[in-house]
Amino acid sequence: MNYQNEWLLYEAGDDIDEIEHRAATEELLFYQAVASGNVEAVKKNCEQERFVEQEGVGVLSRNPVTNLKYHFVITTAMITRICKQNGMELEQAFRLSDFYIQKLDDIHTVEGVQSLHDEMVIDYAEKMRRYSRSDTNSKHINACKEYIYSHIKERITIEDLADEFGVSAGYLSRLFKKQTGVSVSAYIREQKIGIAKNLLRFSDYSMIDIANRLSFSSQSHFIQQFRESVGMTPKKYRDEYYMVQWDTQK
């Protein structure tokens, strides 16, 4: 079938004259509100149910649920890229996008897609608000943090980072401490502990599994590091917080 010819017939038809899409400026302003961490504006947009409003929105599928899912994917893709441009770590931005888009597979109602959309955009906005409040680092240090995020399951050393960015370990160590207030090793540890907290809360992985997944040298080393950081053992932490909520700070 020649879709180009079909489009030419469609373009010349009467129905297309009835379609007037929403101004791109409105969508861009919404994306920018998310990327700038303006949680209040994002929540207001969600309360107004602009995502499911049909007027001025293109029809991508005759099926209402499928149509909304397509729009969800477009929205997520746009927000992911704009948040990355505004400083969100590359891997975090794309992994968050993958996470929410995969959740669409289990949703089969317009209300469900809308609810997931609202949760997704608020999640991005809250993460960007925390980022904008705390980020005063140079691009070099931000790149260093992104590398750590991308390789958090591996054993990372200051030498690995120095080699990655073509600087000396001593220089990078001093620069990182000066701009973040913590050493590289302490920062890496806290990032690993943050992931471990989520695994303890929301998974059934054993202590040894978590220690191995995050490349701690041993289970006992993981327990020691966790206790020093959190103030309790991993077991006690799981007993108190299992299935309570995600640690969205990490």
C-alpha atoms as a PDB file:
ATOM      1  CA  MET A   1       0.000   0.000   0.000  1.00  0.00           C
ATOM      2  CA  ASN A   2       1.279   3.454  -0.911  1.00  0.00           C
ATOM      3  CA  TYR A   3       0.922   5.495   2.270  1.00  0.00           C
ATOM      4  CA  GLN A   4       2.200   8.647   0.597  1.00  0.00           C
ATOM      5  CA  ASN A   5      -0.745   8.624  -1.785  1.00  0.00           C
ATOM      6  CA  GLU A   6      -3.128   7.888   1.065  1.00  0.00           C
ATOM      7  CA  TRP A   7      -1.726  10.882   2.954  1.00  0.00           C
ATOM      8  CA  LEU A   8      -2.231  13.142  -0.066  1.00  0.00           C
ATOM      9  CA  LEU A   9      -5.887  12.122  -0.233  1.00  0.00           C
ATOM     10  CA  TYR A  10      -6.278  12.602   3.508  1.00  0.00           C
ATOM     11  CA  GLU A  11      -4.611  16.016   3.401  1.00  0.00           C
ATOM     12  CA  ALA A  12      -6.989  17.159   0.696  1.00  0.00           C
ATOM     13  CA  GLY A  13     -10.075  15.849   2.487  1.00  0.00           C
ATOM     14  CA  ASP A  14     -12.617  17.795   4.494  1.00  0.00           C
ATOM     15  CA  ASP A  15     -11.936  16.080   7.822  1.00  0.00           C
ATOM     16  CA  ILE A  16      -8.430  17.458   8.192  1.00  0.00           C
ATOM     17  CA  ASP A  17      -9.772  21.021   8.179  1.00  0.00           C
ATOM     18  CA  GLU A  18     -11.591  20.242  11.419  1.00  0.00           C
ATOM     19  CA  ILE A  19      -8.367  19.332  13.221  1.00  0.00           C
ATOM     20  CA  GLU A  20      -6.564  22.155  15.024  1.00  0.00           C
ATOM     21  CA  HIS A  21      -3.750  21.070  17.300  1.00  0.00           C
ATOM     22  CA  ARG A  22      -2.946  22.689  20.613  1.00  0.00           C
ATOM     23  CA  ALA A  23      -0.267  25.374  20.431  1.00  0.00           C
ATOM     24  CA  ALA A  24       3.203  23.898  20.822  1.00  0.00           C
ATOM     25  CA  THR A  25       4.050  26.656  23.271  1.00  0.00           C
ATOM     26  CA  GLU A  26       1.728  25.203  25.899  1.00  0.00           C
ATOM     27  CA  GLU A  27       3.368  21.787  25.726  1.00  0.00           C
ATOM     28  CA  LEU A  28       6.840  23.302  25.799  1.00  0.00           C
ATOM     29  CA  LEU A  29       5.995  25.358  28.877  1.00  0.00           C
ATOM     30  CA  PHE A  30       4.778  22.206  30.605  1.00  0.00           C
ATOM     31  CA  TYR A  31       7.951  20.314  29.726  1.00  0.00           C
ATOM     32  CA  GLN A  32      10.021  23.225  30.995  1.00  0.00           C
ATOM     33  CA  ALA A  33       8.048  23.291  34.245  1.00  0.00           C
ATOM     34  CA  VAL A  34       8.960  19.643  34.799  1.00  0.00           C
ATOM     35  CA  ALA A  35      12.618  20.176  33.850  1.00  0.00           C
ATOM     36  CA  SER A  36      12.956  23.216  36.091  1.00  0.00           C
ATOM     37  CA  GLY A  37      11.515  21.364  39.086  1.00  0.00           C
ATOM     38  CA  ASN A  38       8.355  23.486  39.303  1.00  0.00           C
ATOM     39  CA  VAL A  39       6.384  20.796  41.106  1.00  0.00           C
ATOM     40  CA  GLU A  40       3.458  23.103  41.927  1.00  0.00           C
ATOM     41  CA  ALA A  41       2.886  24.015  38.256  1.00  0.00           C
ATOM     42  CA  VAL A  42       3.158  20.376  37.221  1.00  0.00           C
ATOM     43  CA  LYS A  43       0.640  19.258  39.851  1.00  0.00           C
ATOM     44  CA  LYS A  44      -1.742  22.027  38.771  1.00  0.00           C
ATOM     45  CA  ASN A  45      -1.536  20.820  35.174  1.00  0.00           C
ATOM     46  CA  CYS A  46      -2.309  17.285  36.340  1.00  0.00           C
ATOM     47  CA  GLU A  47      -5.265  18.474  38.403  1.00  0.00           C
ATOM     48  CA  GLN A  48      -6.645  20.228  35.310  1.00  0.00           C
ATOM     49  CA  GLU A  49      -6.397  16.883  33.473  1.00  0.00           C
ATOM     50  CA  ARG A  50      -4.738  18.516  30.475  1.00  0.00           C
ATOM     51  CA  PHE A  51      -3.115  15.222  29.514  1.00  0.00           C
ATOM     52  CA  VAL A  52      -6.430  13.513  28.766  1.00  0.00           C
ATOM     53  CA  GLU A  53      -8.120  16.559  27.255  1.00  0.00           C
ATOM     54  CA  GLN A  54      -8.957  15.721  23.635  1.00  0.00           C
ATOM     55  CA  GLU A  55      -9.395  19.207  22.194  1.00  0.00           C
ATOM     56  CA  GLY A  56      -6.320  20.253  20.234  1.00  0.00           C
ATOM     57  CA  VAL A  57      -4.597  16.891  20.675  1.00  0.00           C
ATOM     58  CA  GLY A  58      -3.700  14.681  17.730  1.00  0.00           C
ATOM     59  CA  VAL A  59      -5.415  11.336  17.277  1.00  0.00           C
ATOM     60  CA  LEU A  60      -2.683   8.700  17.054  1.00  0.00           C
ATOM     61  CA  SER A  61      -4.977   5.685  17.400  1.00  0.00           C
ATOM     62  CA  ARG A  62      -8.694   5.027  17.099  1.00  0.00           C
ATOM     63  CA  ASN A  63      -8.503   3.125  20.366  1.00  0.00           C
ATOM     64  CA  PRO A  64      -8.722   5.679  23.229  1.00  0.00           C
ATOM     65  CA  VAL A  65      -6.375   3.774  25.548  1.00  0.00           C
ATOM     66  CA  THR A  66      -3.797   3.105  22.828  1.00  0.00           C
ATOM     67  CA  ASN A  67      -4.038   6.719  21.719  1.00  0.00           C
ATOM     68  CA  LEU A  68      -3.283   7.935  25.226  1.00  0.00           C
ATOM     69  CA  LYS A  69      -0.418   5.464  25.564  1.00  0.00           C
ATOM     70  CA  TYR A  70       1.188   6.868  22.425  1.00  0.00           C
ATOM     71  CA  HIS A  71       0.912  10.363  23.851  1.00  0.00           C
ATOM     72  CA  PHE A  72       2.382   9.094  27.128  1.00  0.00           C
ATOM     73  CA  VAL A  73       5.459   7.767  25.312  1.00  0.00           C
ATOM     74  CA  ILE A  74       5.905  11.054  23.436  1.00  0.00           C
ATOM     75  CA  THR A  75       5.577  13.071  26.640  1.00  0.00           C
ATOM     76  CA  THR A  76       8.047  10.844  28.470  1.00  0.00           C
ATOM     77  CA  ALA A  77      10.568  11.051  25.622  1.00  0.00           C
ATOM     78  CA  MET A  78      10.371  14.847  25.507  1.00  0.00           C
ATOM     79  CA  ILE A  79      10.633  15.271  29.280  1.00  0.00           C
ATOM     80  CA  THR A  80      13.546  12.838  29.463  1.00  0.00           C
ATOM     81  CA  ARG A  81      15.566  14.820  26.950  1.00  0.00           C
ATOM     82  CA  ILE A  82      14.767  18.231  28.388  1.00  0.00           C
ATOM     83  CA  CYS A  83      15.595  17.058  31.914  1.00  0.00           C
ATOM     84  CA  LYS A  84      18.899  15.719  30.580  1.00  0.00           C
ATOM     85  CA  GLN A  85      19.618  19.103  29.011  1.00  0.00           C
ATOM     86  CA  ASN A  86      18.887  20.727  32.363  1.00  0.00           C
ATOM     87  CA  GLY A  87      21.371  18.536  34.186  1.00  0.00           C
ATOM     88  CA  MET A  88      19.753  15.211  35.075  1.00  0.00           C
ATOM     89  CA  GLU A  89      22.232  12.370  34.807  1.00  0.00           C
ATOM     90  CA  LEU A  90      21.895  10.689  31.422  1.00  0.00           C
ATOM     91  CA  GLU A  91      21.449   7.133  32.678  1.00  0.00           C
ATOM     92  CA  GLN A  92      19.020   8.181  35.396  1.00  0.00           C
ATOM     93  CA  ALA A  93      16.896  10.084  32.878  1.00  0.00           C
ATOM     94  CA  PHE A  94      16.678   7.195  30.414  1.00  0.00           C
ATOM     95  CA  ARG A  95      16.282   4.465  33.018  1.00  0.00           C
ATOM     96  CA  LEU A  96      13.436   6.422  34.593  1.00  0.00           C
ATOM     97  CA  SER A  97      11.859   6.751  31.144  1.00  0.00           C
ATOM     98  CA  ASP A  98      12.201   3.007  30.490  1.00  0.00           C
ATOM     99  CA  PHE A  99      10.706   2.225  33.905  1.00  0.00           C
ATOM    100  CA  TYR A 100       7.525   4.243  33.362  1.00  0.00           C
ATOM    101  CA  ILE A 101       7.022   3.235  29.721  1.00  0.00           C
ATOM    102  CA  GLN A 102       7.289  -0.437  30.667  1.00  0.00           C
ATOM    103  CA  LYS A 103       4.544   0.116  33.239  1.00  0.00           C
ATOM    104  CA  LEU A 104       2.172   0.916  30.352  1.00  0.00           C
ATOM    105  CA  ASP A 105       2.073  -2.777  29.442  1.00  0.00           C
ATOM    106  CA  ASP A 106       0.016  -3.503  32.542  1.00  0.00           C
ATOM    107  CA  ILE A 107      -2.481  -0.647  32.101  1.00  0.00           C
ATOM    108  CA  HIS A 108      -5.669  -1.026  30.075  1.00  0.00           C
ATOM    109  CA  THR A 109      -7.807   2.007  30.982  1.00  0.00           C
ATOM    110  CA  VAL A 110      -7.669   5.716  30.227  1.00  0.00           C
ATOM    111  CA  GLU A 111      -7.796   6.439  33.945  1.00  0.00           C
ATOM    112  CA  GLY A 112      -4.847   4.153  34.556  1.00  0.00           C
ATOM    113  CA  VAL A 113      -2.707   5.811  31.876  1.00  0.00           C
ATOM    114  CA  GLN A 114      -3.609   9.246  33.235  1.00  0.00           C
ATOM    115  CA  SER A 115      -2.662   8.219  36.767  1.00  0.00           C
ATOM    116  CA  LEU A 116       0.685   6.839  35.581  1.00  0.00           C
ATOM    117  CA  HIS A 117       1.326  10.010  33.580  1.00  0.00           C
ATOM    118  CA  ASP A 118       0.713  12.203  36.613  1.00  0.00           C
ATOM    119  CA  GLU A 119       2.991  10.082  38.779  1.00  0.00           C
ATOM    120  CA  MET A 120       5.699  10.110  36.102  1.00  0.00           C
ATOM    121  CA  VAL A 121       5.798  13.873  35.492  1.00  0.00           C
ATOM    122  CA  ILE A 122       5.698  14.683  39.214  1.00  0.00           C
ATOM    123  CA  ASP A 123       8.522  12.196  39.822  1.00  0.00           C
ATOM    124  CA  TYR A 124      10.692  13.878  37.187  1.00  0.00           C
ATOM    125  CA  ALA A 125       9.808  17.339  38.526  1.00  0.00           C
ATOM    126  CA  GLU A 126      10.644  16.445  42.125  1.00  0.00           C
ATOM    127  CA  LYS A 127      13.984  14.973  41.079  1.00  0.00           C
ATOM    128  CA  MET A 128      14.795  18.085  39.059  1.00  0.00           C
ATOM    129  CA  ARG A 129      13.840  20.346  41.972  1.00  0.00           C
ATOM    130  CA  ARG A 130      16.252  18.522  44.253  1.00  0.00           C
ATOM    131  CA  TYR A 131      18.908  18.708  41.565  1.00  0.00           C
ATOM    132  CA  SER A 132      18.494  22.447  40.955  1.00  0.00           C
ATOM    133  CA  ARG A 133      18.648  23.184  44.678  1.00  0.00           C
ATOM    134  CA  SER A 134      21.816  21.211  45.297  1.00  0.00           C
ATOM    135  CA  ASP A 135      23.809  21.480  42.085  1.00  0.00           C
ATOM    136  CA  THR A 136      26.622  24.023  42.155  1.00  0.00           C
ATOM    137  CA  ASN A 137      29.226  21.709  40.647  1.00  0.00           C
ATOM    138  CA  SER A 138      31.330  22.101  37.543  1.00  0.00           C
ATOM    139  CA  LYS A 139      30.610  20.093  34.423  1.00  0.00           C
ATOM    140  CA  HIS A 140      33.640  17.966  35.245  1.00  0.00           C
ATOM    141  CA  ILE A 141      32.193  16.894  38.581  1.00  0.00           C
ATOM    142  CA  ASN A 142      28.731  16.384  37.103  1.00  0.00           C
ATOM    143  CA  ALA A 143      30.271  14.088  34.485  1.00  0.00           C
ATOM    144  CA  CYS A 144      32.034  12.255  37.294  1.00  0.00           C
ATOM    145  CA  LYS A 145      28.721  11.778  39.133  1.00  0.00           C
ATOM    146  CA  GLU A 146      27.090  10.536  35.949  1.00  0.00           C
ATOM    147  CA  TYR A 147      29.834   7.957  35.495  1.00  0.00           C
ATOM    148  CA  ILE A 148      29.338   6.785  39.060  1.00  0.00           C
ATOM    149  CA  TYR A 149      25.578   6.508  38.544  1.00  0.00           C
ATOM    150  CA  SER A 150      26.056   4.513  35.336  1.00  0.00           C
ATOM    151  CA  HIS A 151      28.548   2.109  36.943  1.00  0.00           C
ATOM    152  CA  ILE A 152      27.116   1.985  40.458  1.00  0.00           C
ATOM    153  CA  LYS A 153      26.914  -1.832  40.435  1.00  0.00           C
ATOM    154  CA  GLU A 154      30.641  -2.056  39.744  1.00  0.00           C
ATOM    155  CA  ARG A 155      33.672  -1.514  41.935  1.00  0.00           C
ATOM    156  CA  ILE A 156      34.680   2.097  41.224  1.00  0.00           C
ATOM    157  CA  THR A 157      37.953   3.683  42.312  1.00  0.00           C
ATOM    158  CA  ILE A 158      39.297   7.216  42.069  1.00  0.00           C
ATOM    159  CA  GLU A 159      41.829   5.842  39.583  1.00  0.00           C
ATOM    160  CA  ASP A 160      39.000   4.579  37.347  1.00  0.00           C
ATOM    161  CA  LEU A 161      37.432   8.027  37.322  1.00  0.00           C
ATOM    162  CA  ALA A 162      40.727   9.808  36.739  1.00  0.00           C
ATOM    163  CA  ASP A 163      41.499   7.562  33.763  1.00  0.00           C
ATOM    164  CA  GLU A 164      38.008   8.120  32.364  1.00  0.00           C
ATOM    165  CA  PHE A 165      38.422  11.900  32.349  1.00  0.00           C
ATOM    166  CA  GLY A 166      42.130  12.094  31.623  1.00  0.00           C
ATOM    167  CA  VAL A 167      43.210  13.817  34.858  1.00  0.00           C
ATOM    168  CA  SER A 168      45.302  12.799  37.803  1.00  0.00           C
ATOM    169  CA  ALA A 169      43.673  10.993  40.709  1.00  0.00           C
ATOM    170  CA  GLY A 170      44.973  13.603  43.132  1.00  0.00           C
ATOM    171  CA  TYR A 171      43.531  16.510  41.152  1.00  0.00           C
ATOM    172  CA  LEU A 172      40.121  14.855  40.760  1.00  0.00           C
ATOM    173  CA  SER A 173      40.042  13.896  44.425  1.00  0.00           C
ATOM    174  CA  ARG A 174      40.742  17.464  45.559  1.00  0.00           C
ATOM    175  CA  LEU A 175      38.277  18.983  43.082  1.00  0.00           C
ATOM    176  CA  PHE A 176      35.510  16.564  44.049  1.00  0.00           C
ATOM    177  CA  LYS A 177      35.976  17.191  47.764  1.00  0.00           C
ATOM    178  CA  LYS A 178      36.082  20.959  47.238  1.00  0.00           C
ATOM    179  CA  GLN A 179      32.866  21.090  45.212  1.00  0.00           C
ATOM    180  CA  THR A 180      30.779  18.440  46.947  1.00  0.00           C
ATOM    181  CA  GLY A 181      32.112  18.510  50.487  1.00  0.00           C
ATOM    182  CA  VAL A 182      32.701  14.758  50.530  1.00  0.00           C
ATOM    183  CA  SER A 183      35.390  12.473  49.208  1.00  0.00           C
ATOM    184  CA  VAL A 184      34.879  10.422  46.059  1.00  0.00           C
ATOM    185  CA  SER A 185      34.861   7.178  48.035  1.00  0.00           C
ATOM    186  CA  ALA A 186      32.294   8.541  50.500  1.00  0.00           C
ATOM    187  CA  TYR A 187      30.072   9.700  47.644  1.00  0.00           C
ATOM    188  CA  ILE A 188      30.270   6.314  45.915  1.00  0.00           C
ATOM    189  CA  ARG A 189      29.455   4.585  49.188  1.00  0.00           C
ATOM    190  CA  GLU A 190      26.406   6.753  49.786  1.00  0.00           C
ATOM    191  CA  GLN A 191      25.117   6.109  46.275  1.00  0.00           C
ATOM    192  CA  LYS A 192      25.503   2.364  46.761  1.00  0.00           C
ATOM    193  CA  ILE A 193      23.826   2.537  50.168  1.00  0.00           C
ATOM    194  CA  GLY A 194      20.939   4.464  48.614  1.00  0.00           C
ATOM    195  CA  ILE A 195      20.389   1.683  46.092  1.00  0.00           C
ATOM    196  CA  ALA A 196      20.751  -0.919  48.838  1.00  0.00           C
ATOM    197  CA  LYS A 197      18.039   0.816  50.895  1.00  0.00           C
ATOM    198  CA  ASN A 198      15.610   0.550  47.986  1.00  0.00           C
ATOM    199  CA  LEU A 199      16.478  -3.120  47.459  1.00  0.00           C
ATOM    200  CA  LEU A 200      15.907  -3.806  51.152  1.00  0.00           C
ATOM    201  CA  ARG A 201      12.569  -2.009  51.021  1.00  0.00           C
ATOM    202  CA  PHE A 202      11.176  -3.283  47.789  1.00  0.00           C
ATOM    203  CA  SER A 203      12.801  -6.605  46.941  1.00  0.00           C
ATOM    204  CA  ASP A 204      13.437  -9.986  48.480  1.00  0.00           C
ATOM    205  CA  TYR A 205      17.144 -10.051  47.687  1.00  0.00           C
ATOM    206  CA  SER A 206      19.235 -11.501  50.477  1.00  0.00           C
ATOM    207  CA  MET A 207      22.038  -9.535  52.116  1.00  0.00           C
ATOM    208  CA  ILE A 208      24.661 -11.449  50.163  1.00  0.00           C
ATOM    209  CA  ASP A 209      22.773 -10.848  46.909  1.00  0.00           C
ATOM    210  CA  ILE A 210      22.652  -7.095  47.558  1.00  0.00           C
ATOM    211  CA  ALA A 211      26.310  -7.044  48.562  1.00  0.00           C
ATOM    212  CA  ASN A 212      27.260  -8.839  45.340  1.00  0.00           C
ATOM    213  CA  ARG A 213      24.994  -6.727  43.114  1.00  0.00           C
ATOM    214  CA  LEU A 214      26.624  -3.548  44.394  1.00  0.00           C
ATOM    215  CA  SER A 215      30.173  -4.972  44.352  1.00  0.00           C
ATOM    216  CA  PHE A 216      30.890  -4.769  48.060  1.00  0.00           C
ATOM    217  CA  SER A 217      33.931  -6.878  48.877  1.00  0.00           C
ATOM    218  CA  SER A 218      31.873  -9.147  51.127  1.00  0.00           C
ATOM    219  CA  GLN A 219      28.564  -9.406  52.968  1.00  0.00           C
ATOM    220  CA  SER A 220      30.216  -8.361  56.215  1.00  0.00           C
ATOM    221  CA  HIS A 221      31.729  -5.315  54.518  1.00  0.00           C
ATOM    222  CA  PHE A 222      28.304  -4.352  53.171  1.00  0.00           C
ATOM    223  CA  ILE A 223      26.737  -4.692  56.618  1.00  0.00           C
ATOM    224  CA  GLN A 224      29.504  -2.634  58.198  1.00  0.00           C
ATOM    225  CA  GLN A 225      29.236   0.146  55.594  1.00  0.00           C
ATOM    226  CA  PHE A 226      25.440   0.165  55.831  1.00  0.00           C
ATOM    227  CA  ARG A 227      25.482   0.419  59.627  1.00  0.00           C
ATOM    228  CA  GLU A 228      27.993   3.280  59.558  1.00  0.00           C
ATOM    229  CA  SER A 229      25.903   5.186  57.009  1.00  0.00           C
ATOM    230  CA  VAL A 230      22.342   4.495  58.175  1.00  0.00           C
ATOM    231  CA  GLY A 231      22.826   3.814  61.873  1.00  0.00           C
ATOM    232  CA  MET A 232      21.318   0.340  61.836  1.00  0.00           C
ATOM    233  CA  THR A 233      21.995  -3.009  60.211  1.00  0.00           C
ATOM    234  CA  PRO A 234      20.464  -3.895  56.826  1.00  0.00           C
ATOM    235  CA  LYS A 235      18.295  -6.511  58.516  1.00  0.00           C
ATOM    236  CA  LYS A 236      16.851  -4.033  60.989  1.00  0.00           C
ATOM    237  CA  TYR A 237      16.302  -1.534  58.186  1.00  0.00           C
ATOM    238  CA  ARG A 238      14.364  -4.131  56.165  1.00  0.00           C
ATOM    239  CA  ASP A 239      12.340  -5.128  59.222  1.00  0.00           C
ATOM    240  CA  GLU A 240      11.271  -1.501  59.748  1.00  0.00           C
ATOM    241  CA  TYR A 241      10.829  -0.255  56.186  1.00  0.00           C
ATOM    242  CA  TYR A 242      10.034  -3.228  53.956  1.00  0.00           C
ATOM    243  CA  MET A 243       7.462  -2.195  51.323  1.00  0.00           C
ATOM    244  CA  VAL A 244       6.903   1.207  52.971  1.00  0.00           C
ATOM    245  CA  GLN A 245       8.061   3.493  50.143  1.00  0.00           C
ATOM    246  CA  TRP A 246      10.834   4.080  47.645  1.00  0.00           C
ATOM    247  CA  ASP A 247      13.847   6.102  48.647  1.00  0.00           C
ATOM    248  CA  THR A 248      13.336   8.728  45.949  1.00  0.00           C
ATOM    249  CA  GLN A 249      16.355  10.684  47.089  1.00  0.00           C
ATOM    250  CA  LYS A 250      18.535   8.278  45.107  1.00  0.00           C
END
